Amino acid sequence: MLWLKAFHTMFVIFWFAGIFYLPRLFVYHAMATDPISIERFKVMERRLYRGIMTPSAIVAVLFGVWMMAASWDVFARAGWMHAKLLLVGLLICYHAYCGHVVAKFAHDQNRRTDRFYRWFNEVPVVILVGIVLLVVLKPF
């Protein structure tokens, strides 16, 4: 079980690295005006989303489900786990919306400002704080 927890934690960290960096790329992309920079951001965003974030998210979720299945009798009654799963669901929605934004930028259809993406970048911070507090403190 400790191996599962270790690998789950590693892939969550990989996923969050991308989750934190991609919206920062959106900020810079929204500010870019020259064609070379715009094309470079498209490539960086696509590679980060498809090559790092999505595979890391899938593996993190799979290891998490595996751990839950292995100890279902404990987790089924843990209120903190239900709250954590709600936050993970929100994170998955955030991840999917990031994919939507990547597609919008790829087709030069972004309508949001860099200011929007600066605020958008703060959402996963709040989710991560909630998840960490729930997992460490197990308040209910």
N, C-alpha and C. Protein backbone atom coordinates (compact mmCIF):
# COMPACT_ATOMS: atom_id res chain seq x y z
N MET A 1 0.81 -1.19 0.00
CA MET A 1 0.00 0.00 0.00
C MET A 1 0.86 1.27 0.00
N LEU A 2 2.01 1.22 0.68
CA LEU A 2 2.88 2.39 0.70
C LEU A 2 3.45 2.70 -0.68
N TRP A 3 3.71 1.65 -1.48
CA TRP A 3 4.17 1.87 -2.85
C TRP A 3 3.10 2.59 -3.66
N LEU A 4 1.87 2.16 -3.51
CA LEU A 4 0.76 2.84 -4.22
C LEU A 4 0.67 4.30 -3.82
N LYS A 5 0.76 4.54 -2.51
CA LYS A 5 0.67 5.92 -2.01
C LYS A 5 1.83 6.76 -2.55
N ALA A 6 3.02 6.18 -2.60
CA ALA A 6 4.19 6.90 -3.10
C ALA A 6 4.01 7.27 -4.58
N PHE A 7 3.57 6.30 -5.39
CA PHE A 7 3.39 6.58 -6.81
C PHE A 7 2.21 7.52 -7.05
N HIS A 8 1.16 7.37 -6.28
CA HIS A 8 0.03 8.29 -6.39
C HIS A 8 0.51 9.72 -6.09
N THR A 9 1.27 9.89 -5.03
CA THR A 9 1.77 11.21 -4.65
C THR A 9 2.68 11.79 -5.73
N MET A 10 3.56 10.98 -6.30
CA MET A 10 4.45 11.46 -7.37
C MET A 10 3.66 11.97 -8.57
N PHE A 11 2.67 11.19 -9.00
CA PHE A 11 1.92 11.60 -10.18
C PHE A 11 0.99 12.78 -9.91
N VAL A 12 0.54 12.91 -8.68
CA VAL A 12 -0.22 14.12 -8.32
C VAL A 12 0.70 15.33 -8.42
N ILE A 13 1.93 15.21 -7.95
CA ILE A 13 2.89 16.31 -8.05
C ILE A 13 3.17 16.65 -9.51
N PHE A 14 3.37 15.65 -10.35
CA PHE A 14 3.61 15.91 -11.78
C PHE A 14 2.40 16.64 -12.39
N TRP A 15 1.21 16.16 -12.04
CA TRP A 15 -0.02 16.76 -12.56
C TRP A 15 -0.12 18.22 -12.13
N PHE A 16 0.12 18.48 -10.85
CA PHE A 16 0.02 19.85 -10.37
C PHE A 16 1.10 20.75 -10.95
N ALA A 17 2.25 20.22 -11.26
CA ALA A 17 3.28 21.03 -11.90
C ALA A 17 2.73 21.60 -13.21
N GLY A 18 2.07 20.75 -13.97
CA GLY A 18 1.45 21.20 -15.21
C GLY A 18 0.26 22.11 -14.98
N ILE A 19 -0.55 21.77 -13.99
CA ILE A 19 -1.74 22.56 -13.66
C ILE A 19 -1.34 23.98 -13.26
N PHE A 20 -0.20 24.14 -12.61
CA PHE A 20 0.26 25.46 -12.22
C PHE A 20 0.93 26.20 -13.39
N TYR A 21 1.60 25.47 -14.26
CA TYR A 21 2.36 26.12 -15.33
C TYR A 21 1.50 26.48 -16.54
N LEU A 22 0.55 25.64 -16.90
CA LEU A 22 -0.23 25.89 -18.12
C LEU A 22 -0.97 27.22 -18.08
N PRO A 23 -1.68 27.56 -17.01
CA PRO A 23 -2.34 28.87 -17.00
C PRO A 23 -1.35 30.04 -17.08
N ARG A 24 -0.14 29.84 -16.58
CA ARG A 24 0.88 30.89 -16.73
C ARG A 24 1.23 31.05 -18.20
N LEU A 25 1.29 29.94 -18.93
CA LEU A 25 1.50 30.04 -20.38
C LEU A 25 0.34 30.77 -21.04
N PHE A 26 -0.88 30.53 -20.55
CA PHE A 26 -2.04 31.24 -21.09
C PHE A 26 -1.89 32.74 -20.90
N VAL A 27 -1.37 33.16 -19.74
CA VAL A 27 -1.16 34.59 -19.48
C VAL A 27 -0.23 35.16 -20.54
N TYR A 28 0.91 34.52 -20.75
CA TYR A 28 1.88 35.02 -21.71
C TYR A 28 1.35 34.94 -23.13
N HIS A 29 0.62 33.88 -23.44
CA HIS A 29 0.05 33.72 -24.78
C HIS A 29 -0.96 34.82 -25.06
N ALA A 30 -1.80 35.13 -24.08
CA ALA A 30 -2.81 36.18 -24.25
C ALA A 30 -2.15 37.55 -24.46
N MET A 31 -0.95 37.72 -23.94
CA MET A 31 -0.23 38.99 -24.08
C MET A 31 0.60 39.05 -25.37
N ALA A 32 0.88 37.91 -25.98
CA ALA A 32 1.76 37.85 -27.15
C ALA A 32 1.11 38.51 -28.36
N THR A 33 1.94 39.16 -29.14
CA THR A 33 1.45 39.82 -30.36
C THR A 33 2.17 39.37 -31.62
N ASP A 34 3.39 38.86 -31.47
CA ASP A 34 4.13 38.47 -32.67
C ASP A 34 3.86 37.00 -33.01
N PRO A 35 3.76 36.69 -34.29
CA PRO A 35 3.39 35.34 -34.74
C PRO A 35 4.33 34.23 -34.25
N ILE A 36 5.62 34.51 -34.14
CA ILE A 36 6.57 33.48 -33.71
C ILE A 36 6.27 33.08 -32.26
N SER A 37 6.06 34.05 -31.40
CA SER A 37 5.74 33.75 -29.98
C SER A 37 4.41 33.03 -29.87
N ILE A 38 3.43 33.47 -30.63
CA ILE A 38 2.10 32.85 -30.58
C ILE A 38 2.20 31.37 -30.96
N GLU A 39 2.94 31.06 -32.02
CA GLU A 39 3.10 29.66 -32.45
C GLU A 39 3.88 28.85 -31.41
N ARG A 40 4.87 29.47 -30.81
CA ARG A 40 5.66 28.78 -29.78
C ARG A 40 4.78 28.42 -28.58
N PHE A 41 3.92 29.36 -28.17
CA PHE A 41 3.03 29.08 -27.04
C PHE A 41 2.05 27.96 -27.38
N LYS A 42 1.58 27.92 -28.60
CA LYS A 42 0.66 26.83 -29.01
C LYS A 42 1.33 25.47 -28.83
N VAL A 43 2.58 25.37 -29.27
CA VAL A 43 3.32 24.11 -29.15
C VAL A 43 3.56 23.75 -27.68
N MET A 44 3.99 24.74 -26.91
CA MET A 44 4.27 24.49 -25.49
C MET A 44 3.00 24.05 -24.76
N GLU A 45 1.89 24.73 -25.01
CA GLU A 45 0.64 24.40 -24.34
C GLU A 45 0.17 23.00 -24.70
N ARG A 46 0.23 22.67 -25.99
CA ARG A 46 -0.22 21.34 -26.43
C ARG A 46 0.65 20.24 -25.82
N ARG A 47 1.95 20.42 -25.84
CA ARG A 47 2.85 19.40 -25.30
C ARG A 47 2.69 19.23 -23.80
N LEU A 48 2.53 20.34 -23.10
CA LEU A 48 2.35 20.25 -21.65
C LEU A 48 1.04 19.56 -21.31
N TYR A 49 -0.03 19.95 -22.00
CA TYR A 49 -1.35 19.38 -21.71
C TYR A 49 -1.42 17.90 -22.08
N ARG A 50 -0.99 17.58 -23.28
CA ARG A 50 -1.12 16.19 -23.76
C ARG A 50 0.01 15.28 -23.31
N GLY A 51 1.21 15.84 -23.16
CA GLY A 51 2.36 15.00 -22.87
C GLY A 51 2.69 14.83 -21.40
N ILE A 52 2.27 15.79 -20.57
CA ILE A 52 2.62 15.71 -19.15
C ILE A 52 1.37 15.70 -18.28
N MET A 53 0.54 16.72 -18.43
CA MET A 53 -0.61 16.87 -17.53
C MET A 53 -1.60 15.72 -17.62
N THR A 54 -2.06 15.43 -18.82
CA THR A 54 -3.11 14.41 -18.97
C THR A 54 -2.61 13.01 -18.57
N PRO A 55 -1.45 12.56 -19.05
CA PRO A 55 -0.97 11.25 -18.58
C PRO A 55 -0.77 11.21 -17.07
N SER A 56 -0.23 12.28 -16.49
CA SER A 56 -0.02 12.31 -15.04
C SER A 56 -1.35 12.25 -14.29
N ALA A 57 -2.35 12.97 -14.80
CA ALA A 57 -3.68 12.96 -14.17
C ALA A 57 -4.27 11.55 -14.21
N ILE A 58 -4.18 10.91 -15.34
CA ILE A 58 -4.75 9.57 -15.49
C ILE A 58 -4.08 8.60 -14.52
N VAL A 59 -2.75 8.62 -14.48
CA VAL A 59 -2.03 7.70 -13.60
C VAL A 59 -2.32 8.02 -12.13
N ALA A 60 -2.35 9.31 -11.77
CA ALA A 60 -2.66 9.69 -10.38
C ALA A 60 -4.04 9.20 -9.98
N VAL A 61 -5.01 9.37 -10.85
CA VAL A 61 -6.37 8.91 -10.56
C VAL A 61 -6.41 7.39 -10.46
N LEU A 62 -5.74 6.70 -11.36
CA LEU A 62 -5.73 5.23 -11.31
C LEU A 62 -5.11 4.71 -10.01
N PHE A 63 -3.99 5.29 -9.59
CA PHE A 63 -3.38 4.87 -8.32
C PHE A 63 -4.30 5.22 -7.15
N GLY A 64 -4.97 6.36 -7.23
CA GLY A 64 -5.91 6.73 -6.17
C GLY A 64 -7.08 5.78 -6.07
N VAL A 65 -7.63 5.40 -7.21
CA VAL A 65 -8.74 4.44 -7.23
C VAL A 65 -8.27 3.08 -6.71
N TRP A 66 -7.07 2.68 -7.09
CA TRP A 66 -6.50 1.42 -6.63
C TRP A 66 -6.38 1.41 -5.10
N MET A 67 -5.88 2.52 -4.54
CA MET A 67 -5.76 2.60 -3.07
C MET A 67 -7.14 2.57 -2.40
N MET A 68 -8.09 3.26 -2.98
CA MET A 68 -9.44 3.25 -2.40
C MET A 68 -10.05 1.86 -2.46
N ALA A 69 -9.86 1.18 -3.57
CA ALA A 69 -10.41 -0.17 -3.71
C ALA A 69 -9.77 -1.12 -2.70
N ALA A 70 -8.48 -0.93 -2.46
CA ALA A 70 -7.77 -1.81 -1.53
C ALA A 70 -8.21 -1.60 -0.08
N SER A 71 -8.74 -0.43 0.23
CA SER A 71 -9.16 -0.13 1.61
C SER A 71 -10.57 0.46 1.63
N TRP A 72 -11.43 -0.07 0.79
CA TRP A 72 -12.77 0.50 0.63
C TRP A 72 -13.54 0.59 1.95
N ASP A 73 -13.41 -0.41 2.79
CA ASP A 73 -14.15 -0.42 4.06
C ASP A 73 -13.80 0.79 4.93
N VAL A 74 -12.58 1.27 4.87
CA VAL A 74 -12.16 2.44 5.64
C VAL A 74 -12.60 3.73 4.96
N PHE A 75 -12.32 3.83 3.66
CA PHE A 75 -12.59 5.08 2.94
C PHE A 75 -14.08 5.34 2.72
N ALA A 76 -14.88 4.29 2.66
CA ALA A 76 -16.32 4.47 2.42
C ALA A 76 -16.99 5.25 3.54
N ARG A 77 -16.45 5.16 4.74
CA ARG A 77 -17.04 5.84 5.90
C ARG A 77 -16.32 7.14 6.25
N ALA A 78 -15.25 7.47 5.56
CA ALA A 78 -14.45 8.65 5.89
C ALA A 78 -15.01 9.89 5.19
N GLY A 79 -15.58 10.79 5.98
CA GLY A 79 -16.16 12.01 5.43
C GLY A 79 -15.14 12.88 4.72
N TRP A 80 -13.91 12.91 5.26
CA TRP A 80 -12.87 13.71 4.63
C TRP A 80 -12.55 13.21 3.23
N MET A 81 -12.66 11.89 3.02
CA MET A 81 -12.38 11.33 1.70
C MET A 81 -13.45 11.76 0.70
N HIS A 82 -14.69 11.81 1.14
CA HIS A 82 -15.76 12.26 0.25
C HIS A 82 -15.52 13.71 -0.16
N ALA A 83 -15.11 14.54 0.79
CA ALA A 83 -14.80 15.95 0.48
C ALA A 83 -13.59 16.04 -0.46
N LYS A 84 -12.59 15.20 -0.21
CA LYS A 84 -11.41 15.19 -1.09
C LYS A 84 -11.81 14.80 -2.51
N LEU A 85 -12.65 13.79 -2.63
CA LEU A 85 -13.08 13.34 -3.96
C LEU A 85 -13.86 14.43 -4.68
N LEU A 86 -14.63 15.22 -3.94
CA LEU A 86 -15.32 16.36 -4.54
C LEU A 86 -14.30 17.34 -5.10
N LEU A 87 -13.26 17.64 -4.33
CA LEU A 87 -12.22 18.56 -4.81
C LEU A 87 -11.46 17.96 -6.00
N VAL A 88 -11.21 16.67 -5.97
CA VAL A 88 -10.55 16.02 -7.12
C VAL A 88 -11.43 16.13 -8.35
N GLY A 89 -12.74 15.96 -8.17
CA GLY A 89 -13.67 16.13 -9.29
C GLY A 89 -13.60 17.54 -9.85
N LEU A 90 -13.53 18.55 -8.98
CA LEU A 90 -13.38 19.93 -9.44
C LEU A 90 -12.06 20.13 -10.18
N LEU A 91 -11.00 19.48 -9.69
CA LEU A 91 -9.71 19.57 -10.35
C LEU A 91 -9.75 18.94 -11.74
N ILE A 92 -10.46 17.84 -11.87
CA ILE A 92 -10.61 17.20 -13.18
C ILE A 92 -11.37 18.12 -14.12
N CYS A 93 -12.39 18.80 -13.62
CA CYS A 93 -13.13 19.77 -14.43
C CYS A 93 -12.22 20.92 -14.85
N TYR A 94 -11.41 21.40 -13.93
CA TYR A 94 -10.44 22.46 -14.23
C TYR A 94 -9.48 21.99 -15.33
N HIS A 95 -9.00 20.78 -15.18
CA HIS A 95 -8.09 20.18 -16.16
C HIS A 95 -8.76 20.14 -17.54
N ALA A 96 -10.00 19.68 -17.58
CA ALA A 96 -10.72 19.61 -18.86
C ALA A 96 -10.91 21.00 -19.46
N TYR A 97 -11.22 21.99 -18.62
CA TYR A 97 -11.37 23.35 -19.12
C TYR A 97 -10.05 23.88 -19.68
N CYS A 98 -8.94 23.51 -19.04
CA CYS A 98 -7.63 23.88 -19.57
C CYS A 98 -7.45 23.32 -20.99
N GLY A 99 -7.91 22.09 -21.20
CA GLY A 99 -7.85 21.50 -22.54
C GLY A 99 -8.68 22.29 -23.53
N HIS A 100 -9.83 22.78 -23.09
CA HIS A 100 -10.69 23.63 -23.93
C HIS A 100 -9.95 24.93 -24.29
N VAL A 101 -9.27 25.50 -23.31
CA VAL A 101 -8.53 26.75 -23.56
C VAL A 101 -7.37 26.50 -24.51
N VAL A 102 -6.67 25.38 -24.35
CA VAL A 102 -5.59 25.02 -25.27
C VAL A 102 -6.13 24.96 -26.69
N ALA A 103 -7.29 24.34 -26.87
CA ALA A 103 -7.90 24.25 -28.21
C ALA A 103 -8.29 25.62 -28.74
N LYS A 104 -8.82 26.48 -27.88
CA LYS A 104 -9.19 27.84 -28.31
C LYS A 104 -7.96 28.60 -28.79
N PHE A 105 -6.89 28.54 -28.01
CA PHE A 105 -5.66 29.22 -28.42
C PHE A 105 -5.11 28.61 -29.71
N ALA A 106 -5.18 27.29 -29.84
CA ALA A 106 -4.66 26.62 -31.04
C ALA A 106 -5.36 27.10 -32.30
N HIS A 107 -6.64 27.48 -32.17
CA HIS A 107 -7.41 27.96 -33.33
C HIS A 107 -7.54 29.48 -33.35
N ASP A 108 -6.68 30.15 -32.57
CA ASP A 108 -6.68 31.62 -32.49
C ASP A 108 -8.05 32.18 -32.16
N GLN A 109 -8.74 31.53 -31.21
CA GLN A 109 -10.08 31.95 -30.83
C GLN A 109 -10.18 32.40 -29.37
N ASN A 110 -9.05 32.67 -28.74
CA ASN A 110 -9.10 33.11 -27.35
C ASN A 110 -9.75 34.49 -27.26
N ARG A 111 -10.65 34.66 -26.32
CA ARG A 111 -11.32 35.94 -26.10
C ARG A 111 -11.05 36.48 -24.69
N ARG A 112 -10.23 35.79 -23.92
CA ARG A 112 -9.95 36.18 -22.54
C ARG A 112 -8.66 37.00 -22.47
N THR A 113 -8.57 37.82 -21.44
CA THR A 113 -7.39 38.65 -21.25
C THR A 113 -6.36 37.94 -20.37
N ASP A 114 -5.17 38.48 -20.36
CA ASP A 114 -4.13 37.93 -19.47
C ASP A 114 -4.56 38.08 -18.01
N ARG A 115 -5.32 39.11 -17.71
CA ARG A 115 -5.80 39.31 -16.32
C ARG A 115 -6.72 38.16 -15.89
N PHE A 116 -7.60 37.72 -16.80
CA PHE A 116 -8.46 36.58 -16.51
C PHE A 116 -7.62 35.36 -16.17
N TYR A 117 -6.59 35.08 -16.99
CA TYR A 117 -5.77 33.89 -16.77
C TYR A 117 -4.92 34.00 -15.50
N ARG A 118 -4.58 35.21 -15.09
CA ARG A 118 -3.87 35.37 -13.82
C ARG A 118 -4.75 34.91 -12.66
N TRP A 119 -6.02 35.27 -12.69
CA TRP A 119 -6.95 34.82 -11.65
C TRP A 119 -7.27 33.33 -11.80
N PHE A 120 -7.43 32.90 -13.03
CA PHE A 120 -7.70 31.49 -13.33
C PHE A 120 -6.61 30.59 -12.76
N ASN A 121 -5.38 31.09 -12.75
CA ASN A 121 -4.23 30.35 -12.26
C ASN A 121 -4.30 30.09 -10.75
N GLU A 122 -5.14 30.83 -10.04
CA GLU A 122 -5.23 30.67 -8.58
C GLU A 122 -6.18 29.54 -8.16
N VAL A 123 -7.06 29.12 -9.04
CA VAL A 123 -8.06 28.09 -8.70
C VAL A 123 -7.41 26.80 -8.20
N PRO A 124 -6.41 26.25 -8.90
CA PRO A 124 -5.83 24.99 -8.41
C PRO A 124 -5.10 25.14 -7.08
N VAL A 125 -4.65 26.35 -6.76
CA VAL A 125 -4.00 26.57 -5.47
C VAL A 125 -5.01 26.32 -4.35
N VAL A 126 -6.21 26.86 -4.51
CA VAL A 126 -7.26 26.68 -3.50
C VAL A 126 -7.63 25.20 -3.39
N ILE A 127 -7.75 24.53 -4.52
CA ILE A 127 -8.09 23.11 -4.52
C ILE A 127 -7.00 22.30 -3.82
N LEU A 128 -5.74 22.59 -4.14
CA LEU A 128 -4.63 21.86 -3.52
C LEU A 128 -4.59 22.07 -2.01
N VAL A 129 -4.79 23.29 -1.57
CA VAL A 129 -4.79 23.56 -0.13
C VAL A 129 -5.88 22.73 0.55
N GLY A 130 -7.06 22.72 -0.05
CA GLY A 130 -8.15 21.93 0.51
C GLY A 130 -7.83 20.45 0.58
N ILE A 131 -7.29 19.91 -0.50
CA ILE A 131 -6.96 18.48 -0.54
C ILE A 131 -5.91 18.14 0.51
N VAL A 132 -4.85 18.91 0.57
CA VAL A 132 -3.78 18.63 1.53
C VAL A 132 -4.31 18.70 2.97
N LEU A 133 -5.09 19.73 3.26
CA LEU A 133 -5.63 19.85 4.62
C LEU A 133 -6.53 18.67 4.96
N LEU A 134 -7.36 18.25 4.02
CA LEU A 134 -8.25 17.11 4.27
C LEU A 134 -7.45 15.82 4.49
N VAL A 135 -6.45 15.58 3.66
CA VAL A 135 -5.68 14.34 3.76
C VAL A 135 -4.84 14.30 5.03
N VAL A 136 -4.24 15.40 5.39
CA VAL A 136 -3.36 15.41 6.57
C VAL A 136 -4.15 15.48 7.87
N LEU A 137 -5.16 16.35 7.93
CA LEU A 137 -5.89 16.55 9.18
C LEU A 137 -7.04 15.57 9.40
N LYS A 138 -7.59 15.05 8.29
CA LYS A 138 -8.75 14.14 8.37
C LYS A 138 -9.77 14.67 9.39
N PRO A 139 -10.31 15.87 9.13
CA PRO A 139 -11.15 16.55 10.14
C PRO A 139 -12.50 15.89 10.42
N PHE A 140 -12.97 15.06 9.54
CA PHE A 140 -14.27 14.39 9.78
C PHE A 140 -14.34 13.09 9.01
